[in-house]
Amino acid sequence: MIEQAIHVAAFVAAIGCGLVAGIFFAFSSFVMPALGRIPPEQGINAMQSINVAVMNASFLSLFVGTGVICLALLAGSYVWWESPSGKLLLLASLLYLVGCFGVTRAFNIPLNDALAAARPAMPEAAALWAHYLGRWTMWNTVRTVAPAASMALFVAALLLKA
């Protein structure tokens, strides 16, 4: 019974990681570059709006829900510990939790908070925006790679257990 639950959880985690990686990939590959091509005041306004809109049930359920499944798989990896799959579950889960939650909390949220406090029409806003674009996108790219790698590790764990 627990073996089947771990299989299902790893499968769901792989899908969740892939979806989260895709969202973050879209931002790093074309959303942020597009916002960087428009005047700073407009880019700031757009990103401020995005940062409010992202706080919705569908995104948060995916982002946090995948994290919860990863926490469960951290605990459950001991069931498969004698095989390479157990170590892969542990690594995949840690990578998602640190690479998504940790990076978001340590880097992206503080940058978003600073941007939220900015007044787009102020002269110093352009410098803040230039800093934000570079730093936020760099850390978002880390958030892209982490769940993509987690997804691959979850799939490998499942394939090795098949």
N, C-alpha and C. Protein backbone atom coordinates (compact mmCIF):
# COMPACT_ATOMS: atom_id res chain seq x y z
N MET A 1 0.82 -1.20 0.00
CA MET A 1 0.00 0.00 0.00
C MET A 1 0.87 1.27 0.00
N ILE A 2 1.87 1.32 0.89
CA ILE A 2 2.74 2.49 0.96
C ILE A 2 3.60 2.61 -0.30
N GLU A 3 3.99 1.46 -0.87
CA GLU A 3 4.76 1.48 -2.12
C GLU A 3 3.97 2.15 -3.23
N GLN A 4 2.70 1.79 -3.33
CA GLN A 4 1.84 2.39 -4.35
C GLN A 4 1.65 3.87 -4.10
N ALA A 5 1.50 4.27 -2.84
CA ALA A 5 1.34 5.69 -2.50
C ALA A 5 2.59 6.47 -2.90
N ILE A 6 3.75 5.88 -2.70
CA ILE A 6 5.00 6.56 -3.09
C ILE A 6 5.08 6.68 -4.60
N HIS A 7 4.70 5.64 -5.31
CA HIS A 7 4.67 5.71 -6.79
C HIS A 7 3.76 6.85 -7.25
N VAL A 8 2.57 6.90 -6.71
CA VAL A 8 1.61 7.94 -7.10
C VAL A 8 2.14 9.33 -6.74
N ALA A 9 2.66 9.46 -5.53
CA ALA A 9 3.18 10.76 -5.08
C ALA A 9 4.35 11.21 -5.96
N ALA A 10 5.25 10.30 -6.30
CA ALA A 10 6.38 10.66 -7.15
C ALA A 10 5.92 11.06 -8.55
N PHE A 11 4.90 10.37 -9.05
CA PHE A 11 4.35 10.71 -10.36
C PHE A 11 3.72 12.11 -10.33
N VAL A 12 2.93 12.37 -9.31
CA VAL A 12 2.28 13.69 -9.17
C VAL A 12 3.34 14.78 -8.95
N ALA A 13 4.36 14.48 -8.16
CA ALA A 13 5.44 15.45 -7.94
C ALA A 13 6.17 15.76 -9.24
N ALA A 14 6.41 14.75 -10.06
CA ALA A 14 7.08 14.97 -11.35
C ALA A 14 6.25 15.91 -12.23
N ILE A 15 4.96 15.68 -12.27
CA ILE A 15 4.09 16.56 -13.06
C ILE A 15 4.09 17.97 -12.50
N GLY A 16 3.95 18.08 -11.18
CA GLY A 16 3.96 19.41 -10.54
C GLY A 16 5.26 20.14 -10.80
N CYS A 17 6.38 19.45 -10.66
CA CYS A 17 7.68 20.07 -10.92
C CYS A 17 7.79 20.54 -12.36
N GLY A 18 7.31 19.73 -13.29
CA GLY A 18 7.36 20.11 -14.70
C GLY A 18 6.53 21.35 -14.99
N LEU A 19 5.34 21.42 -14.39
CA LEU A 19 4.49 22.59 -14.60
C LEU A 19 5.11 23.85 -13.99
N VAL A 20 5.64 23.73 -12.78
CA VAL A 20 6.28 24.88 -12.14
C VAL A 20 7.50 25.33 -12.95
N ALA A 21 8.30 24.38 -13.41
CA ALA A 21 9.46 24.72 -14.24
C ALA A 21 9.02 25.46 -15.50
N GLY A 22 7.92 25.02 -16.10
CA GLY A 22 7.41 25.66 -17.31
C GLY A 22 6.98 27.10 -17.06
N ILE A 23 6.32 27.33 -15.95
CA ILE A 23 5.90 28.70 -15.61
C ILE A 23 7.12 29.58 -15.44
N PHE A 24 8.09 29.11 -14.66
CA PHE A 24 9.29 29.91 -14.42
C PHE A 24 10.09 30.10 -15.71
N PHE A 25 10.13 29.06 -16.55
CA PHE A 25 10.82 29.16 -17.84
C PHE A 25 10.22 30.27 -18.70
N ALA A 26 8.90 30.33 -18.72
CA ALA A 26 8.23 31.37 -19.52
C ALA A 26 8.65 32.76 -19.06
N PHE A 27 8.73 32.95 -17.77
CA PHE A 27 9.13 34.27 -17.26
C PHE A 27 10.57 34.60 -17.63
N SER A 28 11.48 33.67 -17.42
CA SER A 28 12.88 33.96 -17.72
C SER A 28 13.15 34.09 -19.22
N SER A 29 12.43 33.32 -20.03
CA SER A 29 12.75 33.30 -21.45
C SER A 29 12.06 34.38 -22.27
N PHE A 30 10.85 34.79 -21.88
CA PHE A 30 10.22 35.83 -22.71
C PHE A 30 9.40 36.88 -21.96
N VAL A 31 8.85 36.58 -20.81
CA VAL A 31 8.05 37.61 -20.11
C VAL A 31 8.96 38.73 -19.62
N MET A 32 10.01 38.39 -18.88
CA MET A 32 10.89 39.44 -18.36
C MET A 32 11.64 40.18 -19.47
N PRO A 33 12.16 39.48 -20.49
CA PRO A 33 12.76 40.24 -21.60
C PRO A 33 11.76 41.19 -22.27
N ALA A 34 10.52 40.78 -22.39
CA ALA A 34 9.52 41.66 -22.99
C ALA A 34 9.26 42.88 -22.11
N LEU A 35 9.16 42.65 -20.80
CA LEU A 35 8.95 43.77 -19.88
C LEU A 35 10.16 44.71 -19.88
N GLY A 36 11.34 44.16 -20.12
CA GLY A 36 12.55 44.98 -20.19
C GLY A 36 12.63 45.83 -21.44
N ARG A 37 11.81 45.53 -22.42
CA ARG A 37 11.84 46.28 -23.68
C ARG A 37 10.91 47.49 -23.67
N ILE A 38 10.08 47.59 -22.67
CA ILE A 38 9.14 48.71 -22.59
C ILE A 38 9.68 49.73 -21.59
N PRO A 39 9.17 50.95 -21.60
CA PRO A 39 9.67 51.96 -20.65
C PRO A 39 9.56 51.47 -19.20
N PRO A 40 10.54 51.82 -18.37
CA PRO A 40 10.57 51.34 -17.00
C PRO A 40 9.26 51.53 -16.23
N GLU A 41 8.64 52.67 -16.37
CA GLU A 41 7.38 52.92 -15.65
C GLU A 41 6.33 51.87 -16.02
N GLN A 42 6.23 51.56 -17.31
CA GLN A 42 5.27 50.55 -17.76
C GLN A 42 5.67 49.15 -17.29
N GLY A 43 6.96 48.84 -17.34
CA GLY A 43 7.44 47.54 -16.89
C GLY A 43 7.18 47.33 -15.41
N ILE A 44 7.45 48.37 -14.62
CA ILE A 44 7.20 48.28 -13.17
C ILE A 44 5.71 48.07 -12.91
N ASN A 45 4.87 48.87 -13.57
CA ASN A 45 3.42 48.71 -13.39
C ASN A 45 2.96 47.30 -13.75
N ALA A 46 3.46 46.79 -14.86
CA ALA A 46 3.06 45.45 -15.30
C ALA A 46 3.51 44.40 -14.29
N MET A 47 4.76 44.48 -13.83
CA MET A 47 5.26 43.47 -12.90
C MET A 47 4.58 43.58 -11.55
N GLN A 48 4.28 44.78 -11.11
CA GLN A 48 3.53 44.94 -9.87
C GLN A 48 2.17 44.25 -9.98
N SER A 49 1.54 44.40 -11.12
CA SER A 49 0.25 43.75 -11.35
C SER A 49 0.39 42.23 -11.39
N ILE A 50 1.43 41.74 -12.06
CA ILE A 50 1.68 40.29 -12.12
C ILE A 50 1.90 39.73 -10.72
N ASN A 51 2.68 40.45 -9.91
CA ASN A 51 2.98 39.97 -8.56
C ASN A 51 1.74 39.91 -7.66
N VAL A 52 0.75 40.71 -7.96
CA VAL A 52 -0.52 40.62 -7.23
C VAL A 52 -1.35 39.46 -7.80
N ALA A 53 -1.41 39.38 -9.12
CA ALA A 53 -2.25 38.37 -9.77
C ALA A 53 -1.78 36.95 -9.53
N VAL A 54 -0.47 36.76 -9.32
CA VAL A 54 0.06 35.40 -9.13
C VAL A 54 -0.41 34.79 -7.82
N MET A 55 -0.85 35.61 -6.91
CA MET A 55 -1.32 35.11 -5.61
C MET A 55 -2.75 34.61 -5.77
N ASN A 56 -2.90 33.53 -6.51
CA ASN A 56 -4.22 32.95 -6.76
C ASN A 56 -4.20 31.46 -6.45
N ALA A 57 -5.38 30.90 -6.33
CA ALA A 57 -5.51 29.50 -5.91
C ALA A 57 -4.84 28.53 -6.88
N SER A 58 -4.94 28.76 -8.17
CA SER A 58 -4.39 27.79 -9.11
C SER A 58 -2.87 27.74 -9.03
N PHE A 59 -2.20 28.90 -9.05
CA PHE A 59 -0.74 28.88 -8.98
C PHE A 59 -0.27 28.42 -7.61
N LEU A 60 -0.85 28.96 -6.54
CA LEU A 60 -0.39 28.60 -5.20
C LEU A 60 -0.64 27.13 -4.90
N SER A 61 -1.74 26.58 -5.39
CA SER A 61 -2.00 25.15 -5.19
C SER A 61 -0.93 24.31 -5.87
N LEU A 62 -0.55 24.70 -7.05
CA LEU A 62 0.49 23.97 -7.79
C LEU A 62 1.85 24.12 -7.09
N PHE A 63 2.25 25.34 -6.82
CA PHE A 63 3.56 25.63 -6.25
C PHE A 63 3.70 25.03 -4.85
N VAL A 64 2.74 25.33 -3.98
CA VAL A 64 2.79 24.84 -2.60
C VAL A 64 2.45 23.36 -2.53
N GLY A 65 1.45 22.94 -3.32
CA GLY A 65 1.06 21.53 -3.31
C GLY A 65 2.20 20.61 -3.72
N THR A 66 2.97 21.01 -4.71
CA THR A 66 4.13 20.22 -5.12
C THR A 66 5.15 20.18 -3.98
N GLY A 67 5.29 21.29 -3.28
CA GLY A 67 6.18 21.31 -2.13
C GLY A 67 5.73 20.37 -1.02
N VAL A 68 4.44 20.32 -0.77
CA VAL A 68 3.90 19.42 0.25
C VAL A 68 4.16 17.97 -0.14
N ILE A 69 3.94 17.65 -1.40
CA ILE A 69 4.22 16.28 -1.87
C ILE A 69 5.71 15.97 -1.72
N CYS A 70 6.56 16.94 -2.02
CA CYS A 70 8.00 16.73 -1.85
C CYS A 70 8.35 16.49 -0.38
N LEU A 71 7.70 17.20 0.53
CA LEU A 71 7.93 16.95 1.96
C LEU A 71 7.55 15.52 2.32
N ALA A 72 6.41 15.08 1.81
CA ALA A 72 5.97 13.71 2.08
C ALA A 72 6.95 12.70 1.50
N LEU A 73 7.47 12.98 0.31
CA LEU A 73 8.44 12.07 -0.31
C LEU A 73 9.79 12.09 0.39
N LEU A 74 10.14 13.21 1.02
CA LEU A 74 11.34 13.24 1.86
C LEU A 74 11.21 12.19 2.95
N ALA A 75 10.07 12.22 3.60
CA ALA A 75 9.82 11.27 4.68
C ALA A 75 9.69 9.85 4.15
N GLY A 76 9.06 9.71 3.00
CA GLY A 76 8.82 8.38 2.43
C GLY A 76 9.98 7.77 1.68
N SER A 77 11.02 8.56 1.42
CA SER A 77 12.14 8.03 0.64
C SER A 77 12.83 6.87 1.36
N TYR A 78 12.68 6.81 2.66
CA TYR A 78 13.31 5.72 3.41
C TYR A 78 12.74 4.35 3.01
N VAL A 79 11.49 4.33 2.52
CA VAL A 79 10.87 3.06 2.11
C VAL A 79 11.64 2.47 0.93
N TRP A 80 12.13 3.33 0.06
CA TRP A 80 12.89 2.87 -1.12
C TRP A 80 14.39 3.02 -0.92
N TRP A 81 14.84 3.29 0.30
CA TRP A 81 16.23 3.67 0.55
C TRP A 81 17.24 2.62 0.09
N GLU A 82 16.87 1.36 0.11
CA GLU A 82 17.81 0.30 -0.29
C GLU A 82 18.08 0.30 -1.78
N SER A 83 17.24 0.98 -2.55
CA SER A 83 17.47 1.06 -4.00
C SER A 83 17.89 2.49 -4.35
N PRO A 84 18.47 2.68 -5.53
CA PRO A 84 18.83 4.04 -5.95
C PRO A 84 17.61 4.98 -5.98
N SER A 85 16.42 4.44 -6.16
CA SER A 85 15.22 5.27 -6.22
C SER A 85 14.98 6.06 -4.95
N GLY A 86 15.32 5.48 -3.81
CA GLY A 86 15.14 6.20 -2.55
C GLY A 86 16.00 7.45 -2.49
N LYS A 87 17.24 7.32 -2.92
CA LYS A 87 18.15 8.48 -2.93
C LYS A 87 17.70 9.52 -3.95
N LEU A 88 17.17 9.04 -5.09
CA LEU A 88 16.67 9.98 -6.10
C LEU A 88 15.45 10.74 -5.60
N LEU A 89 14.55 10.06 -4.88
CA LEU A 89 13.39 10.74 -4.30
C LEU A 89 13.84 11.82 -3.32
N LEU A 90 14.80 11.48 -2.48
CA LEU A 90 15.32 12.44 -1.51
C LEU A 90 15.94 13.64 -2.21
N LEU A 91 16.80 13.39 -3.19
CA LEU A 91 17.47 14.47 -3.92
C LEU A 91 16.46 15.33 -4.68
N ALA A 92 15.52 14.70 -5.37
CA ALA A 92 14.52 15.45 -6.14
C ALA A 92 13.69 16.34 -5.22
N SER A 93 13.29 15.81 -4.08
CA SER A 93 12.48 16.57 -3.14
C SER A 93 13.25 17.75 -2.56
N LEU A 94 14.48 17.50 -2.13
CA LEU A 94 15.31 18.59 -1.59
C LEU A 94 15.58 19.66 -2.63
N LEU A 95 15.84 19.24 -3.85
CA LEU A 95 16.12 20.19 -4.92
C LEU A 95 14.93 21.10 -5.17
N TYR A 96 13.73 20.53 -5.20
CA TYR A 96 12.53 21.36 -5.39
C TYR A 96 12.36 22.32 -4.21
N LEU A 97 12.45 21.80 -3.00
CA LEU A 97 12.20 22.62 -1.82
C LEU A 97 13.22 23.75 -1.68
N VAL A 98 14.49 23.45 -1.89
CA VAL A 98 15.52 24.48 -1.77
C VAL A 98 15.53 25.39 -3.00
N GLY A 99 15.46 24.79 -4.18
CA GLY A 99 15.57 25.55 -5.43
C GLY A 99 14.35 26.38 -5.77
N CYS A 100 13.19 25.99 -5.26
CA CYS A 100 11.97 26.78 -5.50
C CYS A 100 11.60 27.60 -4.27
N PHE A 101 11.28 26.91 -3.18
CA PHE A 101 10.86 27.62 -1.97
C PHE A 101 11.98 28.47 -1.38
N GLY A 102 13.15 27.87 -1.24
CA GLY A 102 14.27 28.59 -0.64
C GLY A 102 14.67 29.81 -1.45
N VAL A 103 14.83 29.63 -2.75
CA VAL A 103 15.23 30.75 -3.62
C VAL A 103 14.13 31.81 -3.67
N THR A 104 12.89 31.39 -3.75
CA THR A 104 11.78 32.35 -3.77
C THR A 104 11.80 33.19 -2.51
N ARG A 105 11.91 32.54 -1.36
CA ARG A 105 11.88 33.25 -0.07
C ARG A 105 13.10 34.15 0.10
N ALA A 106 14.27 33.66 -0.27
CA ALA A 106 15.50 34.41 -0.02
C ALA A 106 15.75 35.52 -1.03
N PHE A 107 15.29 35.35 -2.26
CA PHE A 107 15.67 36.31 -3.31
C PHE A 107 14.49 36.95 -4.02
N ASN A 108 13.58 36.16 -4.59
CA ASN A 108 12.52 36.74 -5.41
C ASN A 108 11.51 37.55 -4.60
N ILE A 109 11.12 37.06 -3.44
CA ILE A 109 10.15 37.81 -2.63
C ILE A 109 10.71 39.15 -2.17
N PRO A 110 11.94 39.22 -1.64
CA PRO A 110 12.46 40.54 -1.28
C PRO A 110 12.53 41.51 -2.47
N LEU A 111 12.90 40.99 -3.62
CA LEU A 111 12.91 41.85 -4.81
C LEU A 111 11.50 42.31 -5.16
N ASN A 112 10.52 41.41 -5.07
CA ASN A 112 9.14 41.78 -5.34
C ASN A 112 8.63 42.80 -4.33
N ASP A 113 9.00 42.63 -3.07
CA ASP A 113 8.58 43.59 -2.04
C ASP A 113 9.15 44.98 -2.32
N ALA A 114 10.42 45.05 -2.72
CA ALA A 114 11.03 46.34 -3.04
C ALA A 114 10.34 46.97 -4.24
N LEU A 115 10.00 46.15 -5.23
CA LEU A 115 9.31 46.67 -6.41
C LEU A 115 7.90 47.14 -6.06
N ALA A 116 7.23 46.43 -5.18
CA ALA A 116 5.87 46.82 -4.77
C ALA A 116 5.86 48.18 -4.10
N ALA A 117 6.93 48.51 -3.40
CA ALA A 117 7.01 49.79 -2.70
C ALA A 117 7.42 50.94 -3.63
N ALA A 118 7.85 50.63 -4.83
CA ALA A 118 8.34 51.65 -5.76
C ALA A 118 7.18 52.44 -6.36
N ARG A 119 7.45 53.69 -6.59
CA ARG A 119 6.53 54.54 -7.34
C ARG A 119 7.10 54.65 -8.75
N PRO A 120 6.41 54.04 -9.71
CA PRO A 120 6.97 53.95 -11.07
C PRO A 120 7.36 55.28 -11.71
N ALA A 121 6.70 56.37 -11.36
CA ALA A 121 6.97 57.66 -12.00
C ALA A 121 8.20 58.36 -11.40
N MET A 122 8.70 57.87 -10.29
CA MET A 122 9.85 58.52 -9.64
C MET A 122 11.12 58.27 -10.46
N PRO A 123 12.03 59.23 -10.50
CA PRO A 123 13.26 59.07 -11.29
C PRO A 123 14.11 57.86 -10.87
N GLU A 124 14.18 57.55 -9.58
CA GLU A 124 15.00 56.42 -9.12
C GLU A 124 14.38 55.07 -9.46
N ALA A 125 13.14 55.08 -9.90
CA ALA A 125 12.46 53.83 -10.24
C ALA A 125 13.14 53.13 -11.42
N ALA A 126 13.68 53.88 -12.36
CA ALA A 126 14.34 53.27 -13.52
C ALA A 126 15.55 52.45 -13.09
N ALA A 127 16.34 52.96 -12.14
CA ALA A 127 17.50 52.22 -11.65
C ALA A 127 17.05 50.97 -10.88
N LEU A 128 16.01 51.12 -10.07
CA LEU A 128 15.47 49.98 -9.34
C LEU A 128 14.99 48.92 -10.33
N TRP A 129 14.31 49.33 -11.37
CA TRP A 129 13.79 48.40 -12.37
C TRP A 129 14.92 47.65 -13.08
N ALA A 130 15.98 48.36 -13.45
CA ALA A 130 17.12 47.71 -14.12
C ALA A 130 17.74 46.66 -13.20
N HIS A 131 17.91 47.01 -11.93
CA HIS A 131 18.45 46.05 -10.95
C HIS A 131 17.50 44.87 -10.80
N TYR A 132 16.23 45.15 -10.67
CA TYR A 132 15.20 44.11 -10.49
C TYR A 132 15.20 43.14 -11.66
N LEU A 133 15.19 43.65 -12.86
CA LEU A 133 15.15 42.79 -14.05
C LEU A 133 16.30 41.79 -14.06
N GLY A 134 17.49 42.27 -13.81
CA GLY A 134 18.65 41.39 -13.85
C GLY A 134 18.67 40.37 -12.73
N ARG A 135 18.49 40.83 -11.50
CA ARG A 135 18.56 39.95 -10.34
C ARG A 135 17.37 38.98 -10.29
N TRP A 136 16.16 39.50 -10.50
CA TRP A 136 14.97 38.66 -10.41
C TRP A 136 15.03 37.56 -11.48
N THR A 137 15.41 37.92 -12.68
CA THR A 137 15.47 36.94 -13.77
C THR A 137 16.55 35.89 -13.50
N MET A 138 17.68 36.31 -12.96
CA MET A 138 18.74 35.36 -12.65
C MET A 138 18.23 34.33 -11.62
N TRP A 139 17.63 34.80 -10.55
CA TRP A 139 17.13 33.87 -9.53
C TRP A 139 15.94 33.08 -10.03
N ASN A 140 15.16 33.66 -10.90
CA ASN A 140 14.05 32.90 -11.49
C ASN A 140 14.57 31.78 -12.38
N THR A 141 15.68 32.00 -13.03
CA THR A 141 16.28 30.95 -13.84
C THR A 141 16.75 29.79 -12.96
N VAL A 142 17.26 30.10 -11.78
CA VAL A 142 17.58 29.04 -10.82
C VAL A 142 16.30 28.29 -10.46
N ARG A 143 15.21 29.05 -10.27
CA ARG A 143 13.92 28.42 -9.97
C ARG A 143 13.38 27.63 -11.15
N THR A 144 13.85 27.87 -12.32
CA THR A 144 13.46 27.09 -13.49
C THR A 144 14.22 25.77 -13.54
N VAL A 145 15.52 25.85 -13.32
CA VAL A 145 16.37 24.66 -13.41
C VAL A 145 16.06 23.68 -12.28
N ALA A 146 15.83 24.17 -11.08
CA ALA A 146 15.62 23.29 -9.93
C ALA A 146 14.42 22.35 -10.11
N PRO A 147 13.22 22.85 -10.43
CA PRO A 147 12.12 21.91 -10.60
C PRO A 147 12.24 21.06 -11.86
N ALA A 148 12.91 21.56 -12.90
CA ALA A 148 13.12 20.74 -14.09
C ALA A 148 14.02 19.55 -13.75
N ALA A 149 15.07 19.82 -12.98
CA ALA A 149 15.95 18.73 -12.56
C ALA A 149 15.22 17.79 -11.59
N SER A 150 14.40 18.36 -10.71
CA SER A 150 13.61 17.52 -9.80
C SER A 150 12.69 16.60 -10.58
N MET A 151 12.04 17.13 -11.59
CA MET A 151 11.16 16.32 -12.42
C MET A 151 11.93 15.14 -13.02
N ALA A 152 13.10 15.42 -13.58
CA ALA A 152 13.90 14.35 -14.18
C ALA A 152 14.31 13.31 -13.14
N LEU A 153 14.65 13.76 -11.95
CA LEU A 153 15.03 12.83 -10.88
C LEU A 153 13.83 11.99 -10.42
N PHE A 154 12.66 12.58 -10.33
CA PHE A 154 11.47 11.81 -9.97
C PHE A 154 11.16 10.75 -11.03
N VAL A 155 11.27 11.14 -12.29
CA VAL A 155 11.04 10.19 -13.38
C VAL A 155 12.06 9.06 -13.32
N ALA A 156 13.32 9.40 -13.09
CA ALA A 156 14.37 8.37 -12.98
C ALA A 156 14.08 7.42 -11.82
N ALA A 157 13.64 7.98 -10.69
CA ALA A 157 13.30 7.12 -9.54
C ALA A 157 12.19 6.16 -9.88
N LEU A 158 11.18 6.65 -10.60
CA LEU A 158 10.06 5.79 -10.99
C LEU A 158 10.49 4.72 -12.00
N LEU A 159 11.32 5.12 -12.95
CA LEU A 159 11.78 4.15 -13.95
C LEU A 159 12.64 3.06 -13.33
N LEU A 160 13.46 3.43 -12.38
CA LEU A 160 14.31 2.43 -11.73
C LEU A 160 13.50 1.48 -10.84
N LYS A 161 12.35 1.93 -10.37
CA LYS A 161 11.50 1.08 -9.53
C LYS A 161 10.54 0.25 -10.36
N ALA A 162 10.43 0.55 -11.65
CA ALA A 162 9.46 -0.18 -12.50
C ALA A 162 9.89 -1.61 -12.75
